[in-house]
Structures are given as structure tokens and as C-alpha cells.
Amino acid sequence: MAADLKELVSRYKEDPESVYNTWFIESEARTKAFRSIRRGVTDIVQAIKSEAFGNDFKGSPLEFVLSCITEQKQIFQGAAHPFYWKPKLRTPDIYENEENKGAFGRFLESCHAASNPDRLVREILTLDDRRIKGLGPAVGNILYFLHPTHMPPFNTAILNGFNAVFEDNKKLGSWTAYLEMRETLMRANEELQPALSKDLGAISGLLFDVGVGKIALQGHFKTALEWDRNKLEKAMKKRHDEVRREQKEEDSHLEMQLKLTVMGRDLGYDVWVASNDRRRSCNGISMQSLTVDRLPSLDVPPEVLRTVSLIDVIWIHRKTRDIACAFEIEKSTSIYSGMLRLQDLACSLGDRKYDFFLIAPDSREKEIVAQLQRPSFADLGSISFRYLLFSDITCNCDAMARFGDDYRILLKVARGSS
């Protein structure tokens, strides 16, 4: 282990603007992304098998998966770029070459089903043997969300940070370099326990912060990176602006949760708030003080229950303990993934048809309409999807709570029933 790594980890965790604190520990988008991305990978595999994948990144199920990944911001910014179809370069060669497309689909399917890291490494080596032009270890970002304790994410900044911390000279674009980096990273991470998580996102975030020069500027850690002070200051300002913007988004998200919670209580319901938000406060009001501490009993597998517990707001009948309706607030995260969580909930509740609501900023209305028109959501017998904009909630919240008898008062304002 690099001699100063433990000290570096300590400063990384103490920095409130580090990737560790702004993404790995606190990010709602990170927690919610895993199931959506895993399901999206299944969609890619099925599309390739049925010859419905298409010959471009745009509009493909791969675009959805990479959109979910890039929504993580910070260390995943730019993760989609290697997958854009570049006609002049013919890269990555998985859109027009059917053999390569099939190999990519088989690779994703095998990795999705893999139960141990050795199988994952074998699949990577098999894929690398095909020498598919332009399809390199950027795929590691997808693998991370399938197996976060076995596969680290990968990009230029992470690689630069790795070379600096471990005094190495690994090259970008090489699967061999990725696997060698992974081995070193996993050994170092094991030695660091319990300082960091076994989830490799934590230590990869550390390398990212080193790779963009953030830690070097704040902690004066001597790395092999040759950053001039102007570049470092720009990197720091960019990160600071990102953190402020993300905090503003989180605040508006929490404000909507509070409004829906108060409205639900005023209409006579008990309210569940997403498990990762229950201990937070908004405008000095504790969400935990207004909400129930457990969901009604649901007959679903543990993985689905974890997903359902992350739904932003659920209204529950006080006497029967039946779920009345549910809400997903999509300030900046994937609208599609929020709909999948609501669909999981509906599938666990029986035959009754439920009214579920998407809540989003006014600026995202076109995105919501586009998602509601997707064929996969066109005929869901158990759900009627509608949406409310932030302005709908802000302008009508008090009136709906005052004049409504139950959740159906929302139907007077909501739009887009399916």
C-alpha cells in the first residue's frame, strides 16, 4: 500500500465536498440507480437477442443504462461518451457489426448472472479476445452497478489518480490495465478496512478526487500529477458549484416530500417516506416525526422490498394499513427508474388498480410525457400513472388538503392517466 494512503483516506472522508460525502454516502441517486441499471442491462440483452437493439446509441436501451449512470454526476460524468456511435471511426463497433453486437449482449448477460469475481474476469478476457474496436474498459462503469464489490468504475480521472497514488503508469483503453488496476485496488481496499466500504465506489471516488487534483490542492498530497495551480483552482470551483447545485436539488426534493407528507396526513393517511430520507429535516421539521417507521407487510423478495422502501412518499390507510397511493419525485434522476419502482410496488399489492404519481419540476414535463408513452408502460392493468408538476403541488397543496376527502382530490389536478 502507498505509504500515505491511510492519511489520504482520512482527509478524503473529512472533506464535506469529496466524492465520498457528496456521492457515495449521501447521494439518493446512487442508492436508487442499482436496480434500474440492472434491469436496463436485461433490456439490452433482450433487445440484442430479438434484433431490436438498433444501429445507433441514441434510442437504444444502452442509452438508458448510460443515462442512469451519468445521472450520478461527479465520477460518472462523461461515462456515455465512449458508447456514442462515431460513424467515421466505426467505433464502438457494436452497432453495425452483428457478431460484435451479439458478443456484447452475451458478455452483459453472463456478467449479470455471474456469482463470483473469477467468472467476471473470465468474461472480460473473452470479450477482450474479440478485439472489438472502441469497446474498452469504459464498460467497467456498467459492471460496477452489477457487482459493486468486485468491479470498480473506470475513467481518465480515476486512472490518473491510481497512477499517482500507486506510482504506476497504467494506460487508458486497455482491459489488461483495468484488470491489473482492479487487483491492486482490491488489495489496498482490503487493507484499509474498515476505513472504507467494501463497495469499490468509495475508493474509486478517492482516486477520482486525486485524479482531478482536488485532494492535491486542499491537502497538499504529493502526487505524480503535474497540475498547475490555475487548473486545480478551476477543478475546485467546478466541484464546489456542482455540490451547491446538487444541494439545491436535494433541498427542493425534500421540500416536495414534506408537502406531500403534510398533505397526506391532512387527508387522513399515515405516510411513509423513503428509508434513506426519513432521518432528514426540511425547514426545521423532522421527516421522521411525521412518518411511520415501517411499511405494511408486503409479500415480495428482499431485493424488491429494498427498492419499494426507496419510493419517495407512500400514503397508507390508517385503519386497514392498505396502501392508497404513492409518489416518486424526480428532480434530476431518471423518470423511467422511478416508474419501475412504482411498478414493483403495484405488482406486490394484488389485483386492484392503483393511482400512482410522478412529481417533477415544470421543466421536465416533456420527459414525463415521453416516458408515459413508452410501450412498456402503455398497458399496465395494475397502475394508472399520472403526473403533477412542482407548481401544481406548490399552488394547490393547501386547497387539496382543505377540500379533499382522500387521495382522489389529486386527480382533479394530475395529468396524463395511462
Protein backbone atom coordinates (compact mmCIF):
# COMPACT_ATOMS: atom_id res chain seq x y z
CA MET A 1 0.00 0.00 0.00
CA ALA A 2 1.20 3.50 -0.77
CA ALA A 3 2.73 4.87 2.40
CA ASP A 4 0.41 7.87 2.67
CA LEU A 5 -2.81 6.13 1.61
CA LYS A 6 -4.36 5.85 5.07
CA GLU A 7 -3.70 9.50 5.76
CA LEU A 8 -5.12 10.34 2.34
CA VAL A 9 -8.28 8.34 3.08
CA SER A 10 -8.71 10.22 6.34
CA ARG A 11 -8.66 13.59 4.60
CA TYR A 12 -10.90 12.27 1.83
CA LYS A 13 -13.57 11.28 4.35
CA GLU A 14 -13.29 14.52 6.30
CA ASP A 15 -13.77 16.73 3.22
CA PRO A 16 -17.51 17.59 3.01
CA GLU A 17 -17.19 18.11 -0.76
CA SER A 18 -15.36 14.87 -1.51
CA VAL A 19 -16.92 12.21 -3.72
CA TYR A 20 -17.23 10.10 -0.58
CA ASN A 21 -19.52 12.59 1.16
CA THR A 22 -21.41 14.05 -1.78
CA TRP A 23 -21.98 10.84 -3.77
CA PHE A 24 -21.03 7.63 -2.02
CA ILE A 25 -22.61 8.30 1.39
CA GLU A 26 -25.32 10.89 0.77
CA SER A 27 -26.48 10.56 -2.83
CA GLU A 28 -30.08 9.46 -3.27
CA ALA A 29 -29.41 8.92 -6.98
CA ARG A 30 -26.68 6.38 -6.21
CA THR A 31 -28.95 4.31 -3.95
CA LYS A 32 -31.77 4.25 -6.45
CA ALA A 33 -29.67 3.56 -9.54
CA PHE A 34 -28.64 -0.05 -8.97
CA ARG A 35 -31.93 -1.81 -9.68
CA SER A 36 -32.77 0.43 -12.64
CA ILE A 37 -29.38 -0.19 -14.25
CA ARG A 38 -29.56 -3.93 -13.65
CA ARG A 39 -32.98 -4.08 -15.24
CA GLY A 40 -31.72 -1.88 -18.06
CA VAL A 41 -28.89 -4.35 -18.73
CA THR A 42 -31.50 -7.10 -19.03
CA ASP A 43 -33.33 -4.92 -21.57
CA ILE A 44 -30.11 -4.53 -23.60
CA VAL A 45 -29.60 -8.30 -23.69
CA GLN A 46 -33.18 -8.96 -24.73
CA ALA A 47 -33.07 -6.25 -27.41
CA ILE A 48 -29.92 -7.75 -28.92
CA LYS A 49 -31.40 -11.25 -28.85
CA SER A 50 -34.59 -10.09 -30.56
CA GLU A 51 -32.65 -7.97 -33.10
CA ALA A 52 -34.37 -4.82 -31.81
CA PHE A 53 -31.24 -3.11 -30.45
CA GLY A 54 -30.77 -0.77 -33.41
CA ASN A 55 -27.65 0.55 -35.09
CA ASP A 56 -27.03 3.67 -33.01
CA PHE A 57 -26.53 4.59 -29.38
CA LYS A 58 -29.38 7.10 -29.49
CA GLY A 59 -32.69 5.44 -28.76
CA SER A 60 -31.11 2.14 -27.74
CA PRO A 61 -31.59 0.51 -24.32
CA LEU A 62 -27.85 1.08 -23.83
CA GLU A 63 -28.54 4.83 -23.87
CA PHE A 64 -31.00 4.42 -20.98
CA VAL A 65 -28.45 2.49 -18.90
CA LEU A 66 -25.73 5.07 -19.51
CA SER A 67 -28.18 7.87 -18.73
CA CYS A 68 -28.83 6.29 -15.33
CA ILE A 69 -25.08 6.06 -14.77
CA THR A 70 -24.24 9.61 -15.86
CA GLU A 71 -27.01 10.95 -13.60
CA GLN A 72 -24.68 10.02 -10.75
CA LYS A 73 -22.65 13.09 -11.78
CA GLN A 74 -19.14 13.54 -10.38
CA ILE A 75 -17.15 10.41 -11.12
CA PHE A 76 -19.53 9.25 -13.88
CA GLN A 77 -19.70 12.44 -15.90
CA GLY A 78 -18.80 11.54 -19.46
CA ALA A 79 -19.41 7.82 -18.94
CA ALA A 80 -21.67 7.70 -22.02
CA HIS A 81 -19.15 9.25 -24.42
CA PRO A 82 -17.26 6.04 -25.26
CA PHE A 83 -20.55 4.44 -26.34
CA TYR A 84 -21.64 7.15 -28.78
CA TRP A 85 -21.63 5.77 -32.32
CA LYS A 86 -18.91 7.52 -34.30
CA PRO A 87 -19.59 6.71 -37.98
CA LYS A 88 -16.26 7.99 -39.31
CA LEU A 89 -14.26 5.92 -36.84
CA ARG A 90 -16.69 2.96 -36.84
CA THR A 91 -16.49 2.86 -33.05
CA PRO A 92 -17.57 1.31 -30.84
CA ASP A 93 -18.14 -1.50 -33.31
CA ILE A 94 -21.25 -2.97 -31.65
CA TYR A 95 -23.96 -1.25 -33.66
CA GLU A 96 -23.42 -2.34 -37.27
CA ASN A 97 -21.37 -5.48 -36.71
CA GLU A 98 -23.90 -8.14 -35.72
CA GLU A 99 -21.29 -10.60 -34.43
CA ASN A 100 -19.79 -7.98 -32.14
CA LYS A 101 -23.24 -6.88 -31.03
CA GLY A 102 -24.11 -10.46 -30.14
CA ALA A 103 -20.84 -10.90 -28.26
CA PHE A 104 -21.52 -7.73 -26.27
CA GLY A 105 -25.00 -8.98 -25.38
CA ARG A 106 -23.66 -12.37 -24.26
CA PHE A 107 -21.00 -10.61 -22.20
CA LEU A 108 -23.56 -8.47 -20.38
CA GLU A 109 -25.87 -11.43 -19.83
CA SER A 110 -23.07 -13.57 -18.38
CA CYS A 111 -21.79 -10.75 -16.16
CA HIS A 112 -25.30 -10.03 -14.90
CA ALA A 113 -25.69 -13.68 -13.90
CA ALA A 114 -22.15 -14.14 -12.52
CA SER A 115 -21.95 -15.14 -8.87
CA ASN A 116 -18.19 -14.78 -8.30
CA PRO A 117 -15.40 -12.43 -9.42
CA ASP A 118 -13.44 -15.13 -11.27
CA ARG A 119 -16.36 -15.58 -13.65
CA LEU A 120 -16.42 -11.84 -14.28
CA VAL A 121 -12.72 -11.76 -15.09
CA ARG A 122 -13.12 -14.69 -17.50
CA GLU A 123 -15.93 -12.88 -19.29
CA ILE A 124 -13.81 -9.74 -19.61
CA LEU A 125 -10.90 -11.73 -21.08
CA THR A 126 -13.25 -13.46 -23.52
CA LEU A 127 -14.63 -10.10 -24.64
CA ASP A 128 -11.13 -8.63 -24.92
CA ASP A 129 -10.04 -11.55 -27.14
CA ARG A 130 -12.55 -10.40 -29.76
CA ARG A 131 -10.71 -7.07 -30.08
CA ILE A 132 -13.93 -5.16 -30.71
CA LYS A 133 -12.87 -1.75 -31.92
CA GLY A 134 -13.64 1.00 -29.41
CA LEU A 135 -15.18 -1.28 -26.77
CA GLY A 136 -12.80 -0.89 -23.85
CA PRO A 137 -12.89 -0.76 -20.05
CA ALA A 138 -15.42 2.08 -20.03
CA VAL A 139 -17.79 -0.91 -19.81
CA GLY A 140 -16.43 -1.22 -16.25
CA ASN A 141 -18.87 1.53 -15.28
CA ILE A 142 -21.74 -0.80 -16.16
CA LEU A 143 -20.07 -3.72 -14.38
CA TYR A 144 -19.72 -1.64 -11.23
CA PHE A 145 -23.50 -1.32 -10.92
CA LEU A 146 -23.89 -5.06 -11.42
CA HIS A 147 -21.15 -6.06 -8.97
CA PRO A 148 -20.01 -3.07 -6.86
CA THR A 149 -17.81 -5.13 -4.52
CA HIS A 150 -15.96 -6.83 -7.40
CA MET A 151 -15.64 -4.30 -10.23
CA PRO A 152 -14.52 -0.66 -9.90
CA PRO A 153 -15.71 2.12 -12.21
CA PHE A 154 -13.18 3.40 -14.71
CA ASN A 155 -12.37 6.70 -16.43
CA THR A 156 -9.44 9.01 -17.13
CA ALA A 157 -9.53 10.79 -13.77
CA ILE A 158 -9.72 7.51 -11.82
CA LEU A 159 -6.81 6.12 -13.83
CA ASN A 160 -4.76 9.30 -13.29
CA GLY A 161 -5.48 9.10 -9.58
CA PHE A 162 -4.49 5.44 -9.49
CA ASN A 163 -1.19 6.11 -11.28
CA ALA A 164 -0.44 8.96 -8.90
CA VAL A 165 -1.29 7.16 -5.65
CA PHE A 166 0.29 3.82 -6.58
CA GLU A 167 3.16 5.29 -8.63
CA ASP A 168 2.16 3.33 -11.70
CA ASN A 169 1.74 4.07 -15.40
CA LYS A 170 -1.40 2.23 -16.48
CA LYS A 171 -2.83 3.15 -19.88
CA LEU A 172 -6.35 4.25 -20.76
CA GLY A 173 -8.38 1.97 -23.02
CA SER A 174 -6.73 -1.30 -22.02
CA TRP A 175 -8.73 -4.13 -20.43
CA THR A 176 -5.43 -5.58 -19.18
CA ALA A 177 -4.63 -2.32 -17.41
CA TYR A 178 -8.15 -2.26 -15.95
CA LEU A 179 -7.81 -5.76 -14.50
CA GLU A 180 -4.35 -5.01 -13.10
CA MET A 181 -5.68 -1.79 -11.55
CA ARG A 182 -8.61 -3.74 -10.10
CA GLU A 183 -6.30 -6.26 -8.40
CA THR A 184 -4.20 -3.53 -6.80
CA LEU A 185 -7.30 -1.60 -5.79
CA MET A 186 -8.98 -4.59 -4.16
CA ARG A 187 -5.86 -5.48 -2.16
CA ALA A 188 -5.45 -1.90 -0.98
CA ASN A 189 -9.14 -1.64 -0.13
CA GLU A 190 -8.99 -4.82 1.93
CA GLU A 191 -6.04 -3.47 3.90
CA LEU A 192 -7.94 -0.24 4.55
CA GLN A 193 -10.97 -1.94 6.11
CA PRO A 194 -12.94 -0.80 7.99
CA ALA A 195 -11.96 2.74 6.96
CA LEU A 196 -13.73 2.46 3.60
CA SER A 197 -16.60 0.38 2.28
CA LYS A 198 -16.13 -2.95 0.51
CA ASP A 199 -18.14 -1.28 -2.24
CA LEU A 200 -15.39 -0.17 -4.64
CA GLY A 201 -17.21 3.08 -5.37
CA ALA A 202 -15.72 4.55 -2.19
CA ILE A 203 -12.06 4.00 -3.02
CA SER A 204 -12.67 4.80 -6.70
CA GLY A 205 -14.06 8.15 -5.59
CA LEU A 206 -10.82 8.76 -3.72
CA LEU A 207 -8.81 8.11 -6.88
CA PHE A 208 -11.13 10.41 -8.81
CA ASP A 209 -10.56 13.24 -6.33
CA VAL A 210 -6.81 12.74 -6.64
CA GLY A 211 -7.07 12.46 -10.42
CA VAL A 212 -8.81 15.82 -10.81
CA GLY A 213 -6.38 17.44 -8.39
CA LYS A 214 -8.90 18.23 -5.68
CA ILE A 215 -7.11 16.50 -2.84
CA ALA A 216 -3.74 17.77 -4.01
CA LEU A 217 -4.97 21.36 -3.70
CA GLN A 218 -6.69 21.05 -0.35
CA GLY A 219 -4.44 18.54 1.38
CA HIS A 220 -1.10 19.20 -0.33
CA PHE A 221 -0.74 15.47 -1.01
CA LYS A 222 2.34 14.97 -3.16
CA THR A 223 1.22 13.11 -6.24
CA ALA A 224 2.80 12.44 -9.60
CA LEU A 225 0.23 14.63 -11.33
CA GLU A 226 1.57 17.78 -12.92
CA TRP A 227 -1.27 20.20 -12.31
CA ASP A 228 -0.66 23.92 -12.35
CA ARG A 229 -2.49 25.95 -9.73
CA ASN A 230 -4.87 27.53 -12.24
CA LYS A 231 -6.15 24.12 -13.38
CA LEU A 232 -6.52 22.98 -9.79
CA GLU A 233 -8.47 26.06 -8.81
CA LYS A 234 -10.80 25.57 -11.79
CA ALA A 235 -11.33 21.95 -10.77
CA MET A 236 -12.11 23.02 -7.22
CA LYS A 237 -14.55 25.72 -8.34
CA LYS A 238 -16.32 23.28 -10.63
CA ARG A 239 -16.71 20.78 -7.79
CA HIS A 240 -17.92 23.48 -5.41
CA ASP A 241 -20.51 24.66 -7.94
CA GLU A 242 -21.64 21.06 -8.51
CA VAL A 243 -22.07 20.47 -4.79
CA ARG A 244 -24.08 23.66 -4.38
CA ARG A 245 -26.30 22.77 -7.35
CA GLU A 246 -26.85 19.23 -6.07
CA GLN A 247 -27.65 20.54 -2.61
CA LYS A 248 -30.24 22.89 -4.11
CA GLU A 249 -31.79 19.93 -5.97
CA GLU A 250 -31.87 17.84 -2.80
CA ASP A 251 -33.49 20.69 -0.88
CA SER A 252 -36.29 21.06 -3.44
CA HIS A 253 -36.76 17.29 -3.48
CA LEU A 254 -37.07 17.23 0.31
CA GLU A 255 -39.44 20.20 0.24
CA MET A 256 -41.78 18.28 -2.10
CA GLN A 257 -41.58 15.24 0.19
CA LEU A 258 -42.58 17.41 3.12
CA LYS A 259 -45.52 18.96 1.24
CA LEU A 260 -46.79 15.53 0.19
CA THR A 261 -46.32 14.21 3.72
CA VAL A 262 -48.28 17.05 5.29
CA MET A 263 -50.99 16.79 2.64
CA GLY A 264 -51.31 13.04 3.18
CA ARG A 265 -51.64 13.44 6.93
CA ASP A 266 -54.22 16.19 6.49
CA LEU A 267 -56.24 13.86 4.27
CA GLY A 268 -56.20 11.21 7.00
CA TYR A 269 -53.38 8.91 5.88
CA ASP A 270 -50.28 7.61 7.55
CA VAL A 271 -47.24 8.42 5.44
CA TRP A 272 -44.09 6.51 4.56
CA VAL A 273 -41.06 8.46 3.33
CA ALA A 274 -38.13 6.79 1.56
CA SER A 275 -35.92 4.93 4.02
CA ASN A 276 -32.85 6.98 3.05
CA ASP A 277 -34.71 10.27 3.68
CA ARG A 278 -36.59 9.55 6.91
CA ARG A 279 -33.93 10.97 9.22
CA ARG A 280 -33.62 14.23 7.32
CA SER A 281 -35.25 17.56 8.15
CA CYS A 282 -36.80 20.27 6.00
CA ASN A 283 -37.35 23.83 7.21
CA GLY A 284 -36.60 22.63 10.73
CA ILE A 285 -39.24 19.86 10.57
CA SER A 286 -38.10 16.27 11.08
CA MET A 287 -39.46 13.88 8.44
CA GLN A 288 -39.22 11.07 10.96
CA SER A 289 -41.60 12.87 13.33
CA LEU A 290 -44.32 12.91 10.66
CA THR A 291 -43.96 9.44 9.16
CA VAL A 292 -44.39 5.77 10.07
CA ASP A 293 -41.31 3.72 10.80
CA ARG A 294 -42.21 0.70 8.68
CA LEU A 295 -44.12 -0.23 5.58
CA PRO A 296 -47.17 -2.50 5.71
CA SER A 297 -46.30 -6.16 5.25
CA LEU A 298 -45.60 -6.92 1.57
CA ASP A 299 -45.17 -10.37 0.07
CA VAL A 300 -42.13 -9.59 -2.05
CA PRO A 301 -38.48 -10.77 -2.26
CA PRO A 302 -35.98 -8.79 -0.12
CA GLU A 303 -34.45 -7.07 -3.18
CA VAL A 304 -37.85 -5.78 -4.30
CA LEU A 305 -38.71 -4.69 -0.74
CA ARG A 306 -35.50 -2.63 -0.62
CA THR A 307 -36.49 -0.99 -3.89
CA VAL A 308 -40.03 -0.27 -2.71
CA SER A 309 -38.70 1.19 0.54
CA LEU A 310 -36.91 3.84 -1.55
CA ILE A 311 -40.14 5.18 -3.07
CA ASP A 312 -40.25 8.83 -2.07
CA VAL A 313 -43.73 9.03 -0.47
CA ILE A 314 -46.44 6.42 0.15
CA TRP A 315 -49.87 7.16 1.66
CA ILE A 316 -51.29 4.36 3.83
CA HIS A 317 -54.85 3.91 5.11
CA ARG A 318 -54.69 4.24 8.90
CA LYS A 319 -57.31 1.59 9.71
CA THR A 320 -56.72 -1.10 7.10
CA ARG A 321 -52.96 -0.47 6.60
CA ASP A 322 -53.55 -0.79 2.86
CA ILE A 323 -51.51 1.38 0.52
CA ALA A 324 -53.66 4.13 -1.00
CA CYS A 325 -51.24 5.76 -3.46
CA ALA A 326 -47.56 6.50 -3.97
CA PHE A 327 -45.34 9.25 -5.35
CA GLU A 328 -41.92 9.42 -6.99
CA ILE A 329 -40.24 12.85 -7.03
CA GLU A 330 -37.84 13.13 -9.95
CA LYS A 331 -35.90 16.37 -9.63
CA SER A 332 -32.91 15.24 -11.68
CA THR A 333 -32.86 11.43 -11.56
CA SER A 334 -34.29 9.04 -14.13
CA ILE A 335 -38.07 9.27 -14.54
CA TYR A 336 -38.03 5.77 -16.01
CA SER A 337 -36.36 4.28 -12.92
CA GLY A 338 -38.94 5.96 -10.67
CA MET A 339 -41.72 4.39 -12.71
CA LEU A 340 -40.07 0.98 -12.34
CA ARG A 341 -40.09 1.35 -8.54
CA LEU A 342 -43.78 2.20 -8.59
CA GLN A 343 -44.41 -0.74 -10.90
CA ASP A 344 -42.62 -3.04 -8.45
CA LEU A 345 -44.88 -1.79 -5.68
CA ALA A 346 -48.05 -2.30 -7.74
CA CYS A 347 -47.04 -5.85 -8.64
CA SER A 348 -46.76 -6.70 -4.95
CA LEU A 349 -50.21 -5.40 -3.97
CA GLY A 350 -52.66 -7.68 -5.76
CA ASP A 351 -55.31 -7.11 -8.43
CA ARG A 352 -56.64 -3.67 -7.55
CA LYS A 353 -55.76 -0.80 -9.89
CA TYR A 354 -53.66 1.89 -8.22
CA ASP A 355 -53.19 5.57 -8.94
CA PHE A 356 -49.51 6.40 -8.70
CA PHE A 357 -47.99 9.82 -9.30
CA LEU A 358 -44.77 11.21 -10.72
CA ILE A 359 -43.76 14.59 -9.28
CA ALA A 360 -41.26 16.67 -11.26
CA PRO A 361 -40.15 20.24 -11.99
CA ASP A 362 -42.19 22.03 -14.64
CA SER A 363 -39.14 21.93 -16.94
CA ARG A 364 -39.28 18.11 -17.09
CA GLU A 365 -42.88 17.79 -18.30
CA LYS A 366 -41.86 16.73 -21.82
CA GLU A 367 -39.64 13.98 -20.37
CA ILE A 368 -42.54 12.64 -18.29
CA VAL A 369 -44.89 12.61 -21.27
CA ALA A 370 -42.26 10.78 -23.33
CA GLN A 371 -41.87 8.11 -20.64
CA LEU A 372 -45.62 7.66 -20.26
CA GLN A 373 -45.77 6.95 -23.99
CA ARG A 374 -43.20 4.13 -23.80
CA PRO A 375 -44.70 0.80 -24.97
CA SER A 376 -43.62 -0.87 -21.71
CA PHE A 377 -45.92 1.48 -19.77
CA ALA A 378 -48.75 1.61 -22.29
CA ASP A 379 -50.99 -1.07 -20.80
CA LEU A 380 -50.35 -1.74 -17.13
CA GLY A 381 -53.52 -3.16 -15.69
CA SER A 382 -52.46 -2.63 -12.08
CA ILE A 383 -51.34 1.02 -12.38
CA SER A 384 -52.69 4.30 -13.64
CA PHE A 385 -49.71 6.64 -13.93
CA ARG A 386 -50.32 10.37 -13.63
CA TYR A 387 -48.01 13.28 -13.03
CA LEU A 388 -48.00 16.50 -11.04
CA LEU A 389 -45.57 19.33 -11.60
CA PHE A 390 -43.87 21.18 -8.76
CA SER A 391 -46.07 24.20 -9.48
CA ASP A 392 -49.20 22.03 -9.15
CA ILE A 393 -48.15 20.97 -5.67
CA THR A 394 -47.00 24.42 -4.56
CA CYS A 395 -50.11 26.23 -5.80
CA ASN A 396 -52.75 23.67 -4.81
CA CYS A 397 -51.34 21.88 -1.76
CA ASP A 398 -53.34 23.73 0.90
CA ALA A 399 -56.58 23.71 -1.10
CA MET A 400 -56.39 19.99 -1.83
CA ALA A 401 -55.81 19.19 1.82
CA ARG A 402 -58.66 21.51 2.88
CA PHE A 403 -61.33 20.43 0.40
CA GLY A 404 -60.39 16.83 -0.36
CA ASP A 405 -61.66 13.69 1.35
CA ASP A 406 -58.98 11.31 0.13
CA TYR A 407 -56.19 10.97 -2.44
CA ARG A 408 -58.66 11.26 -5.33
CA ILE A 409 -58.63 15.03 -4.91
CA LEU A 410 -55.27 14.84 -6.72
CA LEU A 411 -56.98 13.51 -9.84
CA LYS A 412 -58.53 16.94 -10.38
CA VAL A 413 -55.08 18.41 -10.88
CA ALA A 414 -52.96 15.49 -12.11
CA ARG A 415 -52.41 14.82 -15.80
CA GLY A 416 -51.57 12.00 -18.18
CA SER A 417 -53.51 8.97 -16.91
CA SER A 418 -52.48 5.81 -18.69
